[in-house]
């Protein structure tokens, strides 16, 4: 668990999106990448979480083009995500 209050809040927001699919995809993405993000990356991710889950999932799968403000490393990592643990 993260000790920084801002990271705790960001973790909670990533894992509690409102749909199981978004919780798994976005939460797992956060867990896998937060350790290597810069402060700017974390801020961009936090801003992205203000968007609708359907939009984020569409950007992640490439079925919709993301707004220019989100294009960059974080979005590329989201689109390249190849490991999401599934509970059995």
Protein backbone atom coordinates (compact mmCIF):
# COMPACT_ATOMS: atom_id res chain seq x y z
CA UNK A 1 0.00 0.00 0.00
CA UNK A 2 1.20 3.48 -0.78
CA UNK A 3 2.11 5.75 2.11
CA UNK A 4 1.74 9.01 0.17
CA UNK A 5 -1.85 10.31 0.57
CA UNK A 6 -2.01 11.47 -3.06
CA UNK A 7 -0.91 8.05 -4.33
CA UNK A 8 -3.42 6.33 -2.04
CA UNK A 9 -6.19 8.51 -3.45
CA UNK A 10 -5.04 7.88 -7.01
CA UNK A 11 -4.87 4.13 -6.35
CA UNK A 12 -8.39 4.13 -4.97
CA UNK A 13 -9.69 6.09 -7.95
CA UNK A 14 -7.99 3.69 -10.37
CA UNK A 15 -9.44 0.60 -8.67
CA UNK A 16 -12.98 1.90 -8.04
CA UNK A 17 -14.27 3.06 -11.39
CA UNK A 18 -17.84 1.81 -11.27
CA UNK A 19 -17.66 -1.21 -13.54
CA UNK A 20 -15.75 -4.42 -12.91
CA UNK A 21 -14.09 -4.26 -16.32
CA UNK A 22 -12.80 -0.72 -15.77
CA UNK A 23 -11.73 -1.54 -12.20
CA UNK A 24 -9.63 -4.44 -13.48
CA UNK A 25 -8.12 -2.72 -16.51
CA UNK A 26 -7.42 0.70 -15.06
CA UNK A 27 -6.54 -0.54 -11.57
CA UNK A 28 -4.14 -3.17 -12.88
CA UNK A 29 -2.61 -0.63 -15.22
CA UNK A 30 -2.03 1.73 -12.30
CA UNK A 31 -0.43 -1.04 -10.22
CA UNK A 32 1.88 -2.06 -13.05
CA UNK A 33 3.11 1.42 -13.98
CA UNK A 34 2.82 3.88 -11.09
CA UNK A 35 6.29 2.99 -9.81
CA UNK A 36 7.99 4.32 -12.93
CA UNK A 37 5.84 7.40 -13.54
CA UNK A 38 7.10 10.92 -13.06
CA UNK A 39 4.98 13.42 -11.16
CA UNK A 40 3.78 14.78 -14.52
CA UNK A 41 2.72 11.26 -15.57
CA UNK A 42 0.81 10.77 -12.31
CA UNK A 43 -0.91 14.12 -12.77
CA UNK A 44 -1.86 13.24 -16.34
CA UNK A 45 -3.23 9.87 -15.21
CA UNK A 46 -5.21 11.59 -12.45
CA UNK A 47 -6.71 13.97 -15.00
CA UNK A 48 -7.52 11.06 -17.30
CA UNK A 49 -9.46 9.44 -14.47
CA UNK A 50 -11.90 12.36 -14.64
CA UNK A 51 -13.02 11.02 -18.02
CA UNK A 52 -15.75 8.45 -18.60
CA UNK A 53 -14.72 4.80 -18.28
CA UNK A 54 -16.08 4.01 -21.73
CA UNK A 55 -13.84 6.68 -23.23
CA UNK A 56 -10.73 5.46 -21.38
CA UNK A 57 -11.42 1.87 -22.41
CA UNK A 58 -11.94 2.97 -26.03
CA UNK A 59 -8.62 4.81 -26.01
CA UNK A 60 -6.91 1.80 -24.42
CA UNK A 61 -8.21 -0.59 -27.06
CA UNK A 62 -7.72 1.82 -29.93
CA UNK A 63 -11.38 1.91 -30.94
CA UNK A 64 -11.41 5.68 -30.44
CA UNK A 65 -8.75 8.32 -30.73
CA UNK A 66 -7.76 9.97 -27.45
CA UNK A 67 -7.78 13.75 -27.14
CA UNK A 68 -4.43 15.39 -27.83
CA UNK A 69 -3.96 16.29 -24.15
CA UNK A 70 -3.69 12.58 -23.23
CA UNK A 71 -1.34 11.48 -25.99
CA UNK A 72 2.05 10.50 -24.70
CA UNK A 73 3.80 7.91 -22.58
CA UNK A 74 0.93 7.10 -20.20
CA UNK A 75 -1.54 6.51 -23.02
CA UNK A 76 1.01 4.45 -24.96
CA UNK A 77 1.58 2.28 -21.88
CA UNK A 78 -2.18 1.88 -21.47
CA UNK A 79 -2.54 0.83 -25.09
CA UNK A 80 0.34 -1.63 -24.75
CA UNK A 81 -0.92 -3.21 -21.54
CA UNK A 82 -0.55 -6.95 -22.01
CA UNK A 83 -1.05 -8.28 -18.52
CA UNK A 84 -4.18 -7.96 -16.45
CA UNK A 85 -4.47 -10.55 -13.69
CA UNK A 86 -7.82 -12.27 -13.64
CA UNK A 87 -9.34 -13.76 -10.53
CA UNK A 88 -10.42 -17.34 -10.85
